[in-house]
Amino acid sequence: MSGSIPNKKIELVQIWMEIYQEELIADWNLAFKDDDVLKLNHLDKKWNKY
């Protein structure tokens, strides 16, 4: 597999991860225990404009 992601998109993902870090970690821990993960509703229209 090959390809690339524009730097601006990578920066946005990193910012998004910082903002929602606690929720991402909580979901990771649930998934690790084979529990149902929570739906993250943060990937909405405000992020799509970038």
PDB file of N, CA and C in Angstrom:
ATOM      1  N   MET A   1       0.844  -1.156   0.000  1.00  0.00           N
ATOM      2  CA  MET A   1       0.000   0.000   0.000  1.00  0.00           C
ATOM      3  C   MET A   1       0.899   1.231   0.000  1.00  0.00           C
ATOM      4  N   SER A   2       0.517   2.222  -0.759  1.00  0.00           N
ATOM      5  CA  SER A   2       1.309   3.443  -0.801  1.00  0.00           C
ATOM      6  C   SER A   2       0.382   4.644  -0.881  1.00  0.00           C
ATOM      7  N   GLY A   3       0.943   5.785  -0.661  1.00  0.00           N
ATOM      8  CA  GLY A   3       0.166   7.021  -0.727  1.00  0.00           C
ATOM      9  C   GLY A   3       0.694   8.013   0.283  1.00  0.00           C
ATOM     10  N   SER A   4       0.001   9.106   0.384  1.00  0.00           N
ATOM     11  CA  SER A   4       0.422  10.121   1.341  1.00  0.00           C
ATOM     12  C   SER A   4      -0.797  10.892   1.836  1.00  0.00           C
ATOM     13  N   ILE A   5      -0.609  11.543   2.947  1.00  0.00           N
ATOM     14  CA  ILE A   5      -1.639  12.393   3.541  1.00  0.00           C
ATOM     15  C   ILE A   5      -1.054  13.791   3.623  1.00  0.00           C
ATOM     16  N   PRO A   6      -1.794  14.788   3.172  1.00  0.00           N
ATOM     17  CA  PRO A   6      -1.279  16.160   3.247  1.00  0.00           C
ATOM     18  C   PRO A   6      -0.954  16.553   4.695  1.00  0.00           C
ATOM     19  N   ASN A   7       0.114  17.313   4.866  1.00  0.00           N
ATOM     20  CA  ASN A   7       0.553  17.720   6.200  1.00  0.00           C
ATOM     21  C   ASN A   7      -0.544  18.423   6.985  1.00  0.00           C
ATOM     22  N   LYS A   8      -1.354  19.244   6.328  1.00  0.00           N
ATOM     23  CA  LYS A   8      -2.431  19.960   7.015  1.00  0.00           C
ATOM     24  C   LYS A   8      -3.421  18.979   7.640  1.00  0.00           C
ATOM     25  N   LYS A   9      -3.727  17.895   6.932  1.00  0.00           N
ATOM     26  CA  LYS A   9      -4.654  16.884   7.456  1.00  0.00           C
ATOM     27  C   LYS A   9      -4.033  16.152   8.643  1.00  0.00           C
ATOM     28  N   ILE A  10      -2.753  15.870   8.564  1.00  0.00           N
ATOM     29  CA  ILE A  10      -2.063  15.226   9.684  1.00  0.00           C
ATOM     30  C   ILE A  10      -2.108  16.129  10.907  1.00  0.00           C
ATOM     31  N   GLU A  11      -1.868  17.408  10.716  1.00  0.00           N
ATOM     32  CA  GLU A  11      -1.923  18.367  11.823  1.00  0.00           C
ATOM     33  C   GLU A  11      -3.312  18.403  12.445  1.00  0.00           C
ATOM     34  N   LEU A  12      -4.353  18.376  11.626  1.00  0.00           N
ATOM     35  CA  LEU A  12      -5.721  18.395  12.148  1.00  0.00           C
ATOM     36  C   LEU A  12      -6.021  17.151  12.976  1.00  0.00           C
ATOM     37  N   VAL A  13      -5.556  15.998  12.518  1.00  0.00           N
ATOM     38  CA  VAL A  13      -5.765  14.768  13.275  1.00  0.00           C
ATOM     39  C   VAL A  13      -5.034  14.840  14.609  1.00  0.00           C
ATOM     40  N   GLN A  14      -3.823  15.370  14.611  1.00  0.00           N
ATOM     41  CA  GLN A  14      -3.063  15.489  15.856  1.00  0.00           C
ATOM     42  C   GLN A  14      -3.754  16.437  16.834  1.00  0.00           C
ATOM     43  N   ILE A  15      -4.281  17.541  16.334  1.00  0.00           N
ATOM     44  CA  ILE A  15      -5.018  18.481  17.184  1.00  0.00           C
ATOM     45  C   ILE A  15      -6.264  17.807  17.739  1.00  0.00           C
ATOM     46  N   TRP A  16      -6.996  17.116  16.867  1.00  0.00           N
ATOM     47  CA  TRP A  16      -8.216  16.419  17.281  1.00  0.00           C
ATOM     48  C   TRP A  16      -7.895  15.394  18.371  1.00  0.00           C
ATOM     49  N   MET A  17      -6.794  14.663  18.209  1.00  0.00           N
ATOM     50  CA  MET A  17      -6.397  13.664  19.204  1.00  0.00           C
ATOM     51  C   MET A  17      -6.065  14.306  20.543  1.00  0.00           C
ATOM     52  N   GLU A  18      -5.430  15.466  20.519  1.00  0.00           N
ATOM     53  CA  GLU A  18      -5.111  16.165  21.765  1.00  0.00           C
ATOM     54  C   GLU A  18      -6.378  16.618  22.476  1.00  0.00           C
ATOM     55  N   ILE A  19      -7.318  17.163  21.720  1.00  0.00           N
ATOM     56  CA  ILE A  19      -8.557  17.673  22.307  1.00  0.00           C
ATOM     57  C   ILE A  19      -9.363  16.543  22.949  1.00  0.00           C
ATOM     58  N   TYR A  20      -9.435  15.400  22.284  1.00  0.00           N
ATOM     59  CA  TYR A  20     -10.288  14.303  22.734  1.00  0.00           C
ATOM     60  C   TYR A  20      -9.497  13.128  23.303  1.00  0.00           C
ATOM     61  N   GLN A  21      -8.318  13.412  23.808  1.00  0.00           N
ATOM     62  CA  GLN A  21      -7.421  12.362  24.287  1.00  0.00           C
ATOM     63  C   GLN A  21      -8.056  11.483  25.364  1.00  0.00           C
ATOM     64  N   GLU A  22      -8.723  12.089  26.337  1.00  0.00           N
ATOM     65  CA  GLU A  22      -9.311  11.299  27.424  1.00  0.00           C
ATOM     66  C   GLU A  22     -10.356  10.320  26.899  1.00  0.00           C
ATOM     67  N   GLU A  23     -11.201  10.774  25.992  1.00  0.00           N
ATOM     68  CA  GLU A  23     -12.232   9.903  25.431  1.00  0.00           C
ATOM     69  C   GLU A  23     -11.619   8.805  24.563  1.00  0.00           C
ATOM     70  N   LEU A  24     -10.583   9.134  23.825  1.00  0.00           N
ATOM     71  CA  LEU A  24      -9.913   8.132  22.998  1.00  0.00           C
ATOM     72  C   LEU A  24      -9.269   7.051  23.859  1.00  0.00           C
ATOM     73  N   ILE A  25      -8.654   7.456  24.950  1.00  0.00           N
ATOM     74  CA  ILE A  25      -8.031   6.487  25.856  1.00  0.00           C
ATOM     75  C   ILE A  25      -9.095   5.614  26.508  1.00  0.00           C
ATOM     76  N   ALA A  26     -10.207   6.224  26.922  1.00  0.00           N
ATOM     77  CA  ALA A  26     -11.296   5.454  27.527  1.00  0.00           C
ATOM     78  C   ALA A  26     -11.830   4.417  26.541  1.00  0.00           C
ATOM     79  N   ASP A  27     -12.020   4.817  25.290  1.00  0.00           N
ATOM     80  CA  ASP A  27     -12.488   3.878  24.270  1.00  0.00           C
ATOM     81  C   ASP A  27     -11.461   2.779  24.018  1.00  0.00           C
ATOM     82  N   TRP A  28     -10.199   3.150  23.980  1.00  0.00           N
ATOM     83  CA  TRP A  28      -9.139   2.151  23.784  1.00  0.00           C
ATOM     84  C   TRP A  28      -9.188   1.107  24.901  1.00  0.00           C
ATOM     85  N   ASN A  29      -9.345   1.573  26.134  1.00  0.00           N
ATOM     86  CA  ASN A  29      -9.399   0.650  27.270  1.00  0.00           C
ATOM     87  C   ASN A  29     -10.615  -0.266  27.182  1.00  0.00           C
ATOM     88  N   LEU A  30     -11.761   0.262  26.758  1.00  0.00           N
ATOM     89  CA  LEU A  30     -12.950  -0.572  26.574  1.00  0.00           C
ATOM     90  C   LEU A  30     -12.707  -1.620  25.489  1.00  0.00           C
ATOM     91  N   ALA A  31     -12.148  -1.195  24.376  1.00  0.00           N
ATOM     92  CA  ALA A  31     -11.887  -2.117  23.270  1.00  0.00           C
ATOM     93  C   ALA A  31     -10.887  -3.197  23.683  1.00  0.00           C
ATOM     94  N   PHE A  32      -9.890  -2.813  24.453  1.00  0.00           N
ATOM     95  CA  PHE A  32      -8.875  -3.756  24.909  1.00  0.00           C
ATOM     96  C   PHE A  32      -9.497  -4.857  25.764  1.00  0.00           C
ATOM     97  N   LYS A  33     -10.561  -4.507  26.512  1.00  0.00           N
ATOM     98  CA  LYS A  33     -11.257  -5.478  27.357  1.00  0.00           C
ATOM     99  C   LYS A  33     -12.402  -6.167  26.610  1.00  0.00           C
ATOM    100  N   ASP A  34     -12.469  -5.969  25.299  1.00  0.00           N
ATOM    101  CA  ASP A  34     -13.535  -6.525  24.460  1.00  0.00           C
ATOM    102  C   ASP A  34     -14.917  -6.017  24.848  1.00  0.00           C
ATOM    103  N   ASP A  35     -14.985  -4.836  25.441  1.00  0.00           N
ATOM    104  CA  ASP A  35     -16.262  -4.189  25.739  1.00  0.00           C
ATOM    105  C   ASP A  35     -16.692  -3.353  24.542  1.00  0.00           C
ATOM    106  N   ASP A  36     -17.950  -2.955  24.537  1.00  0.00           N
ATOM    107  CA  ASP A  36     -18.434  -2.061  23.486  1.00  0.00           C
ATOM    108  C   ASP A  36     -17.796  -0.687  23.655  1.00  0.00           C
ATOM    109  N   VAL A  37     -17.347  -0.129  22.561  1.00  0.00           N
ATOM    110  CA  VAL A  37     -16.746   1.202  22.612  1.00  0.00           C
ATOM    111  C   VAL A  37     -17.829   2.258  22.466  1.00  0.00           C
ATOM    112  N   LEU A  38     -17.519   3.448  22.941  1.00  0.00           N
ATOM    113  CA  LEU A  38     -18.439   4.567  22.842  1.00  0.00           C
ATOM    114  C   LEU A  38     -18.290   5.226  21.483  1.00  0.00           C
ATOM    115  N   LYS A  39     -19.366   5.748  20.962  1.00  0.00           N
ATOM    116  CA  LYS A  39     -19.306   6.444  19.685  1.00  0.00           C
ATOM    117  C   LYS A  39     -18.775   7.856  19.918  1.00  0.00           C
ATOM    118  N   LEU A  40     -17.768   8.226  19.163  1.00  0.00           N
ATOM    119  CA  LEU A  40     -17.220   9.573  19.242  1.00  0.00           C
ATOM    120  C   LEU A  40     -17.929  10.433  18.205  1.00  0.00           C
ATOM    121  N   ASN A  41     -18.664  11.415  18.664  1.00  0.00           N
ATOM    122  CA  ASN A  41     -19.442  12.264  17.765  1.00  0.00           C
ATOM    123  C   ASN A  41     -18.699  13.529  17.375  1.00  0.00           C
ATOM    124  N   HIS A  42     -17.408  13.531  17.518  1.00  0.00           N
ATOM    125  CA  HIS A  42     -16.644  14.756  17.311  1.00  0.00           C
ATOM    126  C   HIS A  42     -16.202  14.972  15.868  1.00  0.00           C
ATOM    127  N   LEU A  43     -16.397  13.993  15.025  1.00  0.00           N
ATOM    128  CA  LEU A  43     -16.007  14.150  13.624  1.00  0.00           C
ATOM    129  C   LEU A  43     -17.206  14.666  12.835  1.00  0.00           C
ATOM    130  N   ASP A  44     -17.626  15.845  13.184  1.00  0.00           N
ATOM    131  CA  ASP A  44     -18.811  16.417  12.560  1.00  0.00           C
ATOM    132  C   ASP A  44     -18.437  17.498  11.560  1.00  0.00           C
ATOM    133  N   LYS A  45     -19.399  18.279  11.162  1.00  0.00           N
ATOM    134  CA  LYS A  45     -19.202  19.261  10.094  1.00  0.00           C
ATOM    135  C   LYS A  45     -18.149  20.310  10.415  1.00  0.00           C
ATOM    136  N   LYS A  46     -17.957  20.641  11.691  1.00  0.00           N
ATOM    137  CA  LYS A  46     -16.967  21.678  11.996  1.00  0.00           C
ATOM    138  C   LYS A  46     -15.551  21.244  11.611  1.00  0.00           C
ATOM    139  N   TRP A  47     -15.285  19.939  11.616  1.00  0.00           N
ATOM    140  CA  TRP A  47     -13.968  19.440  11.217  1.00  0.00           C
ATOM    141  C   TRP A  47     -13.898  19.194   9.723  1.00  0.00           C
ATOM    142  N   ASN A  48     -15.034  18.978   9.082  1.00  0.00           N
ATOM    143  CA  ASN A  48     -15.042  18.662   7.652  1.00  0.00           C
ATOM    144  C   ASN A  48     -14.679  19.849   6.776  1.00  0.00           C
ATOM    145  N   LYS A  49     -14.764  21.060   7.299  1.00  0.00           N
ATOM    146  CA  LYS A  49     -14.464  22.231   6.475  1.00  0.00           C
ATOM    147  C   LYS A  49     -12.973  22.380   6.196  1.00  0.00           C
ATOM    148  N   TYR A  50     -12.138  21.609   6.893  1.00  0.00           N
ATOM    149  CA  TYR A  50     -10.700  21.693   6.689  1.00  0.00           C
ATOM    150  C   TYR A  50     -10.317  20.686   5.665  1.00  0.00           C
TER     151      TYR A  50
END
